[in-house]
Amino acid sequence: METIRFLKLAAARGVPLIGLCTGSFILAEAGLTKGHETSVSWLHYHEFRERFPDHQVRPDRLFNLDRKRGSCARGSSTADLAAALVRRHISRDAERNALEVLQIEKARSQFDIQTRQPLCEPVKDARVAAALITMEQHLEAAIPIEQLASSVGLSKRQLERLFTEKASMSPALAFRRLRMERARQVLLTSKKPIIEVALDVGFVNTSHFTKEFRRTYGQTPAEIRDSAARNREASREAAPAR
């Protein structure tokens, strides 16, 4: 592929390369981001992880500059990335002028998180939101709380206190809720067998999964799926004929 050859040639000559949105997939396909941390949109996280399991990837950051490689999630974060590059390679005055032209009051940094809320209730603290997003990407195998805390620059006890203060729940309870919400979504939108849904969110057997699901939603996985199917059928029957 001509694009891949061109990128490899540029990399060989020491040219810095940046992937915008799904452009990071092309850099990874070319083998040019292995060993570098890549920021992608949470919308594309699972696909990136499946295609490039040996790459470091984060779905919470807006963009990332890692030596001679860069990556950017999508949308307005491209302006934040551009501002960071102008500031780094030209000056803060040049950055300010560029932002004024674009009518952007203030650029966000690469440590700001993407506008993504994993739980239904809004969580205003950026560190809690980032931790929740990281949890959401590790539902099949829980991430140790020490590692989770370290990813947002906190100790285990600091993270636990912050969750209690900002989210009114412990990290463990938040993780359990995320697992149940993901399972419910998959059950309602797919025909995947219940055992596979259980495995996808970190349960090793259906009995434990069913018990936790019933405790959360008052119905078993099979019951909530059957109820949704009946509601869809009733809606179709009630719809006026054309």
C-alpha atoms as a PDB file:
ATOM      1  CA  MET A   1       0.000   0.000   0.000  1.00  0.00           C
ATOM      2  CA  GLU A   2       1.457   3.342  -1.070  1.00  0.00           C
ATOM      3  CA  THR A   3       0.407   5.165   2.128  1.00  0.00           C
ATOM      4  CA  ILE A   4       2.116   2.580   4.351  1.00  0.00           C
ATOM      5  CA  ARG A   5       5.317   2.751   2.302  1.00  0.00           C
ATOM      6  CA  PHE A   6       5.311   6.539   2.479  1.00  0.00           C
ATOM      7  CA  LEU A   7       4.832   6.559   6.267  1.00  0.00           C
ATOM      8  CA  LYS A   8       7.598   4.010   6.803  1.00  0.00           C
ATOM      9  CA  LEU A   9       9.961   6.066   4.666  1.00  0.00           C
ATOM     10  CA  ALA A  10       9.105   9.216   6.620  1.00  0.00           C
ATOM     11  CA  ALA A  11       9.662   7.411   9.923  1.00  0.00           C
ATOM     12  CA  ALA A  12      13.009   6.062   8.718  1.00  0.00           C
ATOM     13  CA  ARG A  13      14.083   9.637   8.019  1.00  0.00           C
ATOM     14  CA  GLY A  14      13.112  10.743  11.520  1.00  0.00           C
ATOM     15  CA  VAL A  15       9.968  12.649  10.583  1.00  0.00           C
ATOM     16  CA  PRO A  16       7.521  12.964  13.528  1.00  0.00           C
ATOM     17  CA  LEU A  17       4.175  11.339  12.715  1.00  0.00           C
ATOM     18  CA  ILE A  18       0.754  12.043  14.214  1.00  0.00           C
ATOM     19  CA  GLY A  19      -2.434  10.039  13.766  1.00  0.00           C
ATOM     20  CA  LEU A  20      -5.709  11.960  13.952  1.00  0.00           C
ATOM     21  CA  CYS A  21      -8.773   9.933  14.976  1.00  0.00           C
ATOM     22  CA  THR A  22      -8.645   6.641  13.010  1.00  0.00           C
ATOM     23  CA  GLY A  23      -5.401   7.784  11.392  1.00  0.00           C
ATOM     24  CA  SER A  24      -3.754   6.162  14.424  1.00  0.00           C
ATOM     25  CA  PHE A  25      -4.943   2.814  13.035  1.00  0.00           C
ATOM     26  CA  ILE A  26      -2.920   3.451   9.885  1.00  0.00           C
ATOM     27  CA  LEU A  27       0.236   4.238  11.865  1.00  0.00           C
ATOM     28  CA  ALA A  28      -0.284   1.084  13.929  1.00  0.00           C
ATOM     29  CA  GLU A  29      -0.890  -0.951  10.767  1.00  0.00           C
ATOM     30  CA  ALA A  30       2.435   0.326   9.485  1.00  0.00           C
ATOM     31  CA  GLY A  31       4.120  -0.850  12.689  1.00  0.00           C
ATOM     32  CA  LEU A  32       5.073   2.688  13.654  1.00  0.00           C
ATOM     33  CA  THR A  33       3.388   3.068  17.045  1.00  0.00           C
ATOM     34  CA  LYS A  34       4.476  -0.084  18.860  1.00  0.00           C
ATOM     35  CA  GLY A  35       6.233   0.987  22.036  1.00  0.00           C
ATOM     36  CA  HIS A  36       4.373   4.305  22.015  1.00  0.00           C
ATOM     37  CA  GLU A  37       1.202   5.118  23.932  1.00  0.00           C
ATOM     38  CA  THR A  38      -1.691   5.886  21.571  1.00  0.00           C
ATOM     39  CA  SER A  39      -4.771   7.953  22.405  1.00  0.00           C
ATOM     40  CA  VAL A  40      -7.927   6.930  20.570  1.00  0.00           C
ATOM     41  CA  SER A  41     -11.584   7.789  20.953  1.00  0.00           C
ATOM     42  CA  TRP A  42     -13.451   5.573  23.398  1.00  0.00           C
ATOM     43  CA  LEU A  43     -15.687   4.786  20.409  1.00  0.00           C
ATOM     44  CA  HIS A  44     -12.757   3.046  18.687  1.00  0.00           C
ATOM     45  CA  TYR A  45     -10.950   1.645  21.737  1.00  0.00           C
ATOM     46  CA  HIS A  46     -12.175  -1.958  21.518  1.00  0.00           C
ATOM     47  CA  GLU A  47     -11.511  -2.186  17.778  1.00  0.00           C
ATOM     48  CA  PHE A  48      -7.984  -0.805  18.219  1.00  0.00           C
ATOM     49  CA  ARG A  49      -7.280  -3.187  21.068  1.00  0.00           C
ATOM     50  CA  GLU A  50      -8.523  -6.169  19.073  1.00  0.00           C
ATOM     51  CA  ARG A  51      -6.502  -5.295  15.983  1.00  0.00           C
ATOM     52  CA  PHE A  52      -3.322  -4.300  17.833  1.00  0.00           C
ATOM     53  CA  PRO A  53      -3.280  -6.211  21.156  1.00  0.00           C
ATOM     54  CA  ASP A  54       0.436  -5.587  21.679  1.00  0.00           C
ATOM     55  CA  HIS A  55       0.070  -1.777  21.535  1.00  0.00           C
ATOM     56  CA  GLN A  56      -0.394   0.613  24.439  1.00  0.00           C
ATOM     57  CA  VAL A  57      -3.686   2.480  24.037  1.00  0.00           C
ATOM     58  CA  ARG A  58      -5.714   4.910  26.157  1.00  0.00           C
ATOM     59  CA  PRO A  59      -9.342   5.900  25.550  1.00  0.00           C
ATOM     60  CA  ASP A  60      -9.502   8.613  28.195  1.00  0.00           C
ATOM     61  CA  ARG A  61      -6.969  11.223  26.991  1.00  0.00           C
ATOM     62  CA  LEU A  62      -7.695  13.834  24.326  1.00  0.00           C
ATOM     63  CA  PHE A  63      -4.321  13.430  22.634  1.00  0.00           C
ATOM     64  CA  ASN A  64      -0.826  12.228  23.305  1.00  0.00           C
ATOM     65  CA  LEU A  65       2.649  13.263  22.195  1.00  0.00           C
ATOM     66  CA  ASP A  66       5.170  10.491  22.758  1.00  0.00           C
ATOM     67  CA  ARG A  67       8.625  11.225  21.363  1.00  0.00           C
ATOM     68  CA  LYS A  68       8.262  11.259  17.564  1.00  0.00           C
ATOM     69  CA  ARG A  69       4.743   9.867  17.558  1.00  0.00           C
ATOM     70  CA  GLY A  70       1.490  11.600  18.292  1.00  0.00           C
ATOM     71  CA  SER A  71      -2.158  10.601  18.398  1.00  0.00           C
ATOM     72  CA  CYS A  72      -5.435  12.403  18.820  1.00  0.00           C
ATOM     73  CA  ALA A  73      -8.866  11.069  19.744  1.00  0.00           C
ATOM     74  CA  ARG A  74     -11.103  13.076  17.418  1.00  0.00           C
ATOM     75  CA  GLY A  75     -13.150  16.223  16.921  1.00  0.00           C
ATOM     76  CA  SER A  76     -12.234  19.402  18.752  1.00  0.00           C
ATOM     77  CA  SER A  77      -9.239  17.763  20.422  1.00  0.00           C
ATOM     78  CA  THR A  78      -7.347  18.281  17.153  1.00  0.00           C
ATOM     79  CA  ALA A  79      -7.332  22.005  17.994  1.00  0.00           C
ATOM     80  CA  ASP A  80      -5.941  21.221  21.452  1.00  0.00           C
ATOM     81  CA  LEU A  81      -3.207  19.105  19.887  1.00  0.00           C
ATOM     82  CA  ALA A  82      -2.384  21.855  17.379  1.00  0.00           C
ATOM     83  CA  ALA A  83      -2.175  24.413  20.190  1.00  0.00           C
ATOM     84  CA  ALA A  84       0.259  22.207  22.101  1.00  0.00           C
ATOM     85  CA  LEU A  85       2.468  21.849  19.014  1.00  0.00           C
ATOM     86  CA  VAL A  86       2.462  25.590  18.335  1.00  0.00           C
ATOM     87  CA  ARG A  87       3.345  26.316  21.945  1.00  0.00           C
ATOM     88  CA  ARG A  88       6.123  23.715  21.986  1.00  0.00           C
ATOM     89  CA  HIS A  89       7.748  24.587  18.665  1.00  0.00           C
ATOM     90  CA  ILE A  90       7.014  28.310  18.307  1.00  0.00           C
ATOM     91  CA  SER A  91       5.862  30.175  21.429  1.00  0.00           C
ATOM     92  CA  ARG A  92       3.040  30.751  23.866  1.00  0.00           C
ATOM     93  CA  ASP A  93       2.222  34.026  22.107  1.00  0.00           C
ATOM     94  CA  ALA A  94       1.794  32.186  18.818  1.00  0.00           C
ATOM     95  CA  GLU A  95      -0.451  29.661  20.539  1.00  0.00           C
ATOM     96  CA  ARG A  96      -2.579  32.440  22.024  1.00  0.00           C
ATOM     97  CA  ASN A  97      -2.919  34.159  18.653  1.00  0.00           C
ATOM     98  CA  ALA A  98      -3.945  30.912  16.958  1.00  0.00           C
ATOM     99  CA  LEU A  99      -6.568  30.209  19.622  1.00  0.00           C
ATOM    100  CA  GLU A 100      -7.990  33.725  19.235  1.00  0.00           C
ATOM    101  CA  VAL A 101      -8.328  33.239  15.477  1.00  0.00           C
ATOM    102  CA  LEU A 102     -10.222  29.986  16.115  1.00  0.00           C
ATOM    103  CA  GLN A 103     -12.293  31.693  18.860  1.00  0.00           C
ATOM    104  CA  ILE A 104     -11.168  29.143  21.440  1.00  0.00           C
ATOM    105  CA  GLU A 105     -10.838  30.595  24.915  1.00  0.00           C
ATOM    106  CA  LYS A 106      -8.409  28.025  26.297  1.00  0.00           C
ATOM    107  CA  ALA A 107      -6.744  24.897  24.925  1.00  0.00           C
ATOM    108  CA  ARG A 108      -6.947  21.671  26.870  1.00  0.00           C
ATOM    109  CA  SER A 109      -3.838  19.663  27.673  1.00  0.00           C
ATOM    110  CA  GLN A 110      -3.041  16.057  26.785  1.00  0.00           C
ATOM    111  CA  PHE A 111      -3.901  15.145  30.379  1.00  0.00           C
ATOM    112  CA  ASP A 112      -7.513  16.342  30.104  1.00  0.00           C
ATOM    113  CA  ILE A 113     -10.014  13.564  29.570  1.00  0.00           C
ATOM    114  CA  GLN A 114     -12.412  12.961  26.717  1.00  0.00           C
ATOM    115  CA  THR A 115     -16.011  14.072  27.186  1.00  0.00           C
ATOM    116  CA  ARG A 116     -17.315  10.631  28.022  1.00  0.00           C
ATOM    117  CA  GLN A 117     -19.395   9.727  31.077  1.00  0.00           C
ATOM    118  CA  PRO A 118     -19.382   5.975  31.804  1.00  0.00           C
ATOM    119  CA  LEU A 119     -22.051   6.121  34.537  1.00  0.00           C
ATOM    120  CA  CYS A 120     -25.501   7.660  34.249  1.00  0.00           C
ATOM    121  CA  GLU A 121     -24.834  10.180  37.020  1.00  0.00           C
ATOM    122  CA  PRO A 122     -22.455  13.019  36.105  1.00  0.00           C
ATOM    123  CA  VAL A 123     -19.035  12.877  37.782  1.00  0.00           C
ATOM    124  CA  LYS A 124     -17.313  16.254  37.667  1.00  0.00           C
ATOM    125  CA  ASP A 125     -13.888  15.247  38.970  1.00  0.00           C
ATOM    126  CA  ALA A 126     -11.561  14.506  36.033  1.00  0.00           C
ATOM    127  CA  ARG A 127      -9.565  11.882  37.951  1.00  0.00           C
ATOM    128  CA  VAL A 128     -12.670   9.923  38.921  1.00  0.00           C
ATOM    129  CA  ALA A 129     -14.018  10.121  35.353  1.00  0.00           C
ATOM    130  CA  ALA A 130     -10.674   8.919  33.961  1.00  0.00           C
ATOM    131  CA  ALA A 131     -10.592   6.045  36.456  1.00  0.00           C
ATOM    132  CA  LEU A 132     -14.144   5.045  35.497  1.00  0.00           C
ATOM    133  CA  ILE A 133     -13.253   5.005  31.814  1.00  0.00           C
ATOM    134  CA  THR A 134     -10.219   2.822  32.560  1.00  0.00           C
ATOM    135  CA  MET A 135     -12.435   0.468  34.564  1.00  0.00           C
ATOM    136  CA  GLU A 136     -14.854   0.301  31.664  1.00  0.00           C
ATOM    137  CA  GLN A 137     -12.087  -0.912  29.370  1.00  0.00           C
ATOM    138  CA  HIS A 138     -11.130  -3.747  31.752  1.00  0.00           C
ATOM    139  CA  LEU A 139     -14.506  -5.291  32.541  1.00  0.00           C
ATOM    140  CA  GLU A 140     -13.409  -8.778  31.518  1.00  0.00           C
ATOM    141  CA  ALA A 141     -10.482  -8.749  33.976  1.00  0.00           C
ATOM    142  CA  ALA A 142     -10.518  -6.261  36.826  1.00  0.00           C
ATOM    143  CA  ILE A 143      -7.616  -3.844  36.948  1.00  0.00           C
ATOM    144  CA  PRO A 144      -5.932  -3.768  40.398  1.00  0.00           C
ATOM    145  CA  ILE A 145      -6.987  -0.672  42.338  1.00  0.00           C
ATOM    146  CA  GLU A 146      -3.343   0.247  42.959  1.00  0.00           C
ATOM    147  CA  GLN A 147      -2.728   0.316  39.207  1.00  0.00           C
ATOM    148  CA  LEU A 148      -5.946   2.246  38.659  1.00  0.00           C
ATOM    149  CA  ALA A 149      -4.946   4.831  41.252  1.00  0.00           C
ATOM    150  CA  SER A 150      -1.462   5.144  39.781  1.00  0.00           C
ATOM    151  CA  SER A 151      -2.929   5.816  36.316  1.00  0.00           C
ATOM    152  CA  VAL A 152      -4.518   9.025  37.636  1.00  0.00           C
ATOM    153  CA  GLY A 153      -1.614  10.028  39.870  1.00  0.00           C
ATOM    154  CA  LEU A 154      -3.102   8.973  43.218  1.00  0.00           C
ATOM    155  CA  SER A 155      -2.489   6.409  45.921  1.00  0.00           C
ATOM    156  CA  LYS A 156      -5.016   3.637  46.605  1.00  0.00           C
ATOM    157  CA  ARG A 157      -6.387   5.410  49.694  1.00  0.00           C
ATOM    158  CA  GLN A 158      -6.559   8.773  47.921  1.00  0.00           C
ATOM    159  CA  LEU A 159      -8.557   7.229  45.077  1.00  0.00           C
ATOM    160  CA  GLU A 160     -10.956   5.531  47.486  1.00  0.00           C
ATOM    161  CA  ARG A 161     -11.544   8.802  49.355  1.00  0.00           C
ATOM    162  CA  LEU A 162     -12.012  10.688  46.092  1.00  0.00           C
ATOM    163  CA  PHE A 163     -14.613   8.186  44.843  1.00  0.00           C
ATOM    164  CA  THR A 164     -16.528   8.432  48.119  1.00  0.00           C
ATOM    165  CA  GLU A 165     -16.468  12.231  47.960  1.00  0.00           C
ATOM    166  CA  LYS A 166     -17.153  12.777  44.248  1.00  0.00           C
ATOM    167  CA  ALA A 167     -19.135   9.696  43.179  1.00  0.00           C
ATOM    168  CA  SER A 168     -20.726   8.649  46.501  1.00  0.00           C
ATOM    169  CA  MET A 169     -19.517   5.091  46.052  1.00  0.00           C
ATOM    170  CA  SER A 170     -16.385   3.004  46.390  1.00  0.00           C
ATOM    171  CA  PRO A 171     -14.261   2.070  43.349  1.00  0.00           C
ATOM    172  CA  ALA A 172     -15.378  -1.556  43.846  1.00  0.00           C
ATOM    173  CA  LEU A 173     -19.069  -0.612  43.707  1.00  0.00           C
ATOM    174  CA  ALA A 174     -18.476   1.590  40.661  1.00  0.00           C
ATOM    175  CA  PHE A 175     -16.766  -1.324  38.897  1.00  0.00           C
ATOM    176  CA  ARG A 176     -19.654  -3.647  39.733  1.00  0.00           C
ATOM    177  CA  ARG A 177     -22.158  -1.133  38.342  1.00  0.00           C
ATOM    178  CA  LEU A 178     -20.182  -0.733  35.142  1.00  0.00           C
ATOM    179  CA  ARG A 179     -20.089  -4.493  34.660  1.00  0.00           C
ATOM    180  CA  MET A 180     -23.842  -4.783  35.138  1.00  0.00           C
ATOM    181  CA  GLU A 181     -24.620  -1.840  32.853  1.00  0.00           C
ATOM    182  CA  ARG A 182     -22.454  -3.281  30.075  1.00  0.00           C
ATOM    183  CA  ALA A 183     -24.054  -6.713  30.491  1.00  0.00           C
ATOM    184  CA  ARG A 184     -27.558  -5.244  30.351  1.00  0.00           C
ATOM    185  CA  GLN A 185     -26.718  -3.283  27.215  1.00  0.00           C
ATOM    186  CA  VAL A 186     -25.342  -6.364  25.443  1.00  0.00           C
ATOM    187  CA  LEU A 187     -28.322  -8.486  26.484  1.00  0.00           C
ATOM    188  CA  LEU A 188     -30.775  -5.935  25.093  1.00  0.00           C
ATOM    189  CA  THR A 189     -28.951  -5.268  21.826  1.00  0.00           C
ATOM    190  CA  SER A 190     -27.605  -8.675  20.799  1.00  0.00           C
ATOM    191  CA  LYS A 191     -28.405 -12.378  20.697  1.00  0.00           C
ATOM    192  CA  LYS A 192     -25.114 -13.331  22.337  1.00  0.00           C
ATOM    193  CA  PRO A 193     -25.497 -16.360  24.663  1.00  0.00           C
ATOM    194  CA  ILE A 194     -25.777 -15.430  28.333  1.00  0.00           C
ATOM    195  CA  ILE A 195     -22.601 -17.344  29.245  1.00  0.00           C
ATOM    196  CA  GLU A 196     -20.665 -15.235  26.719  1.00  0.00           C
ATOM    197  CA  VAL A 197     -22.125 -12.029  28.143  1.00  0.00           C
ATOM    198  CA  ALA A 198     -21.079 -13.184  31.618  1.00  0.00           C
ATOM    199  CA  LEU A 199     -17.528 -13.909  30.455  1.00  0.00           C
ATOM    200  CA  ASP A 200     -17.317 -10.543  28.664  1.00  0.00           C
ATOM    201  CA  VAL A 201     -17.883  -8.702  31.951  1.00  0.00           C
ATOM    202  CA  GLY A 202     -15.585 -10.834  34.076  1.00  0.00           C
ATOM    203  CA  PHE A 203     -17.783 -13.616  35.509  1.00  0.00           C
ATOM    204  CA  VAL A 204     -16.583 -17.206  35.286  1.00  0.00           C
ATOM    205  CA  ASN A 205     -20.016 -18.846  35.447  1.00  0.00           C
ATOM    206  CA  THR A 206     -23.643 -17.979  34.739  1.00  0.00           C
ATOM    207  CA  SER A 207     -24.927 -18.709  38.252  1.00  0.00           C
ATOM    208  CA  HIS A 208     -22.839 -15.962  39.888  1.00  0.00           C
ATOM    209  CA  PHE A 209     -23.596 -13.596  37.005  1.00  0.00           C
ATOM    210  CA  THR A 210     -27.346 -14.281  37.221  1.00  0.00           C
ATOM    211  CA  LYS A 211     -27.338 -13.720  40.991  1.00  0.00           C
ATOM    212  CA  GLU A 212     -25.544 -10.353  40.669  1.00  0.00           C
ATOM    213  CA  PHE A 213     -27.708  -9.294  37.729  1.00  0.00           C
ATOM    214  CA  ARG A 214     -30.936 -10.087  39.598  1.00  0.00           C
ATOM    215  CA  ARG A 215     -29.657  -8.225  42.652  1.00  0.00           C
ATOM    216  CA  THR A 216     -29.051  -5.151  40.475  1.00  0.00           C
ATOM    217  CA  TYR A 217     -32.085  -5.130  38.178  1.00  0.00           C
ATOM    218  CA  GLY A 218     -34.647  -7.360  39.921  1.00  0.00           C
ATOM    219  CA  GLN A 219     -34.703  -9.716  36.923  1.00  0.00           C
ATOM    220  CA  THR A 220     -32.493 -12.476  35.608  1.00  0.00           C
ATOM    221  CA  PRO A 221     -30.600 -11.918  32.332  1.00  0.00           C
ATOM    222  CA  ALA A 222     -33.037 -14.239  30.529  1.00  0.00           C
ATOM    223  CA  GLU A 223     -36.072 -12.444  31.973  1.00  0.00           C
ATOM    224  CA  ILE A 224     -34.890  -8.969  31.010  1.00  0.00           C
ATOM    225  CA  ARG A 225     -34.098 -10.143  27.470  1.00  0.00           C
ATOM    226  CA  ASP A 226     -37.511 -11.863  27.132  1.00  0.00           C
ATOM    227  CA  SER A 227     -39.271  -8.772  28.485  1.00  0.00           C
ATOM    228  CA  ALA A 228     -37.530  -6.542  25.947  1.00  0.00           C
ATOM    229  CA  ALA A 229     -38.482  -8.939  23.123  1.00  0.00           C
ATOM    230  CA  ARG A 230     -42.138  -8.898  24.189  1.00  0.00           C
ATOM    231  CA  ASN A 231     -42.146  -5.102  24.316  1.00  0.00           C
ATOM    232  CA  ARG A 232     -40.690  -4.890  20.799  1.00  0.00           C
ATOM    233  CA  GLU A 233     -43.305  -7.317  19.509  1.00  0.00           C
ATOM    234  CA  ALA A 234     -46.119  -5.367  21.173  1.00  0.00           C
ATOM    235  CA  SER A 235     -44.835  -2.150  19.607  1.00  0.00           C
ATOM    236  CA  ARG A 236     -44.806  -3.731  16.148  1.00  0.00           C
ATOM    237  CA  GLU A 237     -48.374  -5.001  16.559  1.00  0.00           C
ATOM    238  CA  ALA A 238     -49.538  -1.591  17.767  1.00  0.00           C
ATOM    239  CA  ALA A 239     -47.927   0.264  14.865  1.00  0.00           C
ATOM    240  CA  PRO A 240     -50.448   1.432  12.225  1.00  0.00           C
ATOM    241  CA  ALA A 241     -50.364  -0.423   8.913  1.00  0.00           C
ATOM    242  CA  ARG A 242     -49.006   1.468   5.903  1.00  0.00           C
END
